[in-house]
Amino acid sequence: MSHNRPERVSELLHAEIARLLREDVSDPRLAACSVTRVRVSADLRAARVHVLPLGGEGDPADLLRGLKAASPYLRRQVGRVLTLRYTPELTFVLDEGLEEAVRMTSLLGRLAAEEGGEEE
């Protein structure tokens, strides 16, 4: 098995799940949901889908409940589009990496501003 295959499947899953959430799912809890990344296991049987509420609005716990309820539908639809022997089991988690990156950027900006103020 190619070591790039899980990455390629991750990209395909990301695009298809994002499209399904945007176009097909009518659950209002999922209206403002962004798929940030997808990680697929080496055997392609499990996928971890990282999501964020768009604009940081909404209850993340409510979003995860909605995604868990929609998971069987999403998995069926993904299985129809992707021609894999096994459709990966979808697990949805909140992406905390993006929030951490925003926090670090903010801290670096403040540090740069403080250093700029001392030189004057």
Protein backbone atom coordinates (compact mmCIF):
# COMPACT_ATOMS: atom_id res chain seq x y z
CA MET A 1 0.00 0.00 0.00
CA SER A 2 1.32 3.44 -0.86
CA HIS A 3 2.20 5.70 2.06
CA ASN A 4 0.54 8.61 0.22
CA ARG A 5 -2.81 6.87 -0.07
CA PRO A 6 -4.14 7.90 3.38
CA GLU A 7 -3.26 11.51 2.52
CA ARG A 8 -5.08 11.32 -0.80
CA VAL A 9 -8.12 9.71 0.82
CA SER A 10 -8.02 12.43 3.53
CA GLU A 11 -8.18 15.14 0.87
CA LEU A 12 -11.08 13.44 -0.91
CA LEU A 13 -12.96 12.94 2.37
CA HIS A 14 -12.36 16.56 3.36
CA ALA A 15 -13.77 17.88 0.10
CA GLU A 16 -16.77 15.53 0.07
CA ILE A 17 -17.75 16.00 3.73
CA ALA A 18 -17.46 19.78 3.38
CA ARG A 19 -19.65 19.66 0.26
CA LEU A 20 -22.25 17.46 1.96
CA LEU A 21 -22.41 19.73 5.02
CA ARG A 22 -22.76 22.78 2.79
CA GLU A 23 -25.27 21.41 0.27
CA ASP A 24 -27.11 18.34 1.58
CA VAL A 25 -27.47 18.39 5.35
CA SER A 26 -30.47 20.35 6.60
CA ASP A 27 -29.75 20.17 10.34
CA PRO A 28 -29.59 23.80 11.59
CA ARG A 29 -26.88 22.82 14.10
CA LEU A 30 -24.58 22.12 11.16
CA ALA A 31 -25.32 25.23 9.10
CA ALA A 32 -22.23 27.07 10.32
CA CYS A 33 -19.68 24.26 10.37
CA SER A 34 -16.24 24.27 8.80
CA VAL A 35 -14.18 21.14 8.17
CA THR A 36 -10.57 22.09 8.87
CA ARG A 37 -8.82 18.76 8.24
CA VAL A 38 -9.33 15.02 8.01
CA ARG A 39 -6.90 12.37 9.27
CA VAL A 40 -7.30 8.82 7.96
CA SER A 41 -5.79 5.74 9.57
CA ALA A 42 -3.19 3.75 7.64
CA ASP A 43 -5.69 0.95 6.95
CA LEU A 44 -8.27 3.53 5.69
CA ARG A 45 -10.97 2.20 8.04
CA ALA A 46 -11.21 5.22 10.36
CA ALA A 47 -11.25 8.95 9.73
CA ARG A 48 -10.97 11.72 12.29
CA VAL A 49 -12.74 14.84 10.99
CA HIS A 50 -11.66 18.10 12.64
CA VAL A 51 -14.36 20.80 12.61
CA LEU A 52 -14.95 24.32 13.87
CA PRO A 53 -18.08 26.43 14.15
CA LEU A 54 -17.82 29.17 11.51
CA GLY A 55 -16.98 32.52 13.02
CA GLY A 56 -16.63 30.90 16.43
CA GLU A 57 -20.40 31.16 16.84
CA GLY A 58 -22.66 28.49 18.22
CA ASP A 59 -22.26 25.83 20.84
CA PRO A 60 -19.43 23.41 19.97
CA ALA A 61 -21.06 20.62 21.98
CA ASP A 62 -24.30 21.10 20.01
CA LEU A 63 -22.31 21.02 16.77
CA LEU A 64 -20.68 17.72 17.75
CA ARG A 65 -24.07 16.23 18.70
CA GLY A 66 -25.44 17.23 15.29
CA LEU A 67 -22.44 15.74 13.51
CA LYS A 68 -22.74 12.51 15.46
CA ALA A 69 -26.41 12.28 14.46
CA ALA A 70 -25.54 12.98 10.80
CA SER A 71 -22.54 10.62 10.77
CA PRO A 72 -24.33 7.54 9.35
CA TYR A 73 -25.81 9.62 6.52
CA LEU A 74 -22.46 11.29 5.78
CA ARG A 75 -20.68 7.94 5.79
CA ARG A 76 -23.21 6.44 3.35
CA GLN A 77 -22.90 9.40 0.99
CA VAL A 78 -19.11 9.38 1.14
CA GLY A 79 -19.13 5.63 0.45
CA ARG A 80 -21.15 6.20 -2.71
CA VAL A 81 -18.74 8.83 -4.03
CA LEU A 82 -15.43 7.26 -3.00
CA THR A 83 -14.92 3.80 -4.37
CA LEU A 84 -13.05 2.24 -1.47
CA ARG A 85 -13.33 -1.31 -0.24
CA TYR A 86 -14.29 -0.01 3.22
CA THR A 87 -15.87 3.35 3.91
CA PRO A 88 -14.01 4.90 6.84
CA GLU A 89 -15.82 5.24 10.18
CA LEU A 90 -16.20 8.99 10.75
CA THR A 91 -15.33 10.52 14.11
CA PHE A 92 -15.87 14.25 14.55
CA VAL A 93 -13.71 16.34 16.90
CA LEU A 94 -13.29 20.04 17.53
CA ASP A 95 -10.14 21.45 15.95
CA GLU A 96 -8.31 23.19 18.74
CA GLY A 97 -5.15 23.69 16.66
CA LEU A 98 -6.60 26.68 14.83
CA GLU A 99 -7.58 28.41 18.05
CA GLU A 100 -4.08 27.77 19.40
CA ALA A 101 -2.54 29.25 16.24
CA VAL A 102 -4.68 32.40 16.58
CA ARG A 103 -3.68 32.70 20.23
CA MET A 104 0.03 32.33 19.40
CA THR A 105 -0.22 34.91 16.61
CA SER A 106 -1.86 37.32 19.03
CA LEU A 107 0.89 36.74 21.62
CA LEU A 108 3.62 37.26 19.02
CA GLY A 109 1.93 40.46 17.86
CA ARG A 110 1.82 41.81 21.41
CA LEU A 111 5.46 40.85 21.96
CA ALA A 112 6.51 42.62 18.77
CA ALA A 113 4.51 45.71 19.79
CA GLU A 114 6.16 45.74 23.22
CA GLU A 115 9.64 45.43 21.71
CA GLY A 116 8.86 48.20 19.23
CA GLY A 117 7.73 50.47 22.10
CA GLU A 118 10.96 49.94 24.06
CA GLU A 119 13.18 51.01 21.14
CA GLU A 120 11.56 54.44 20.84
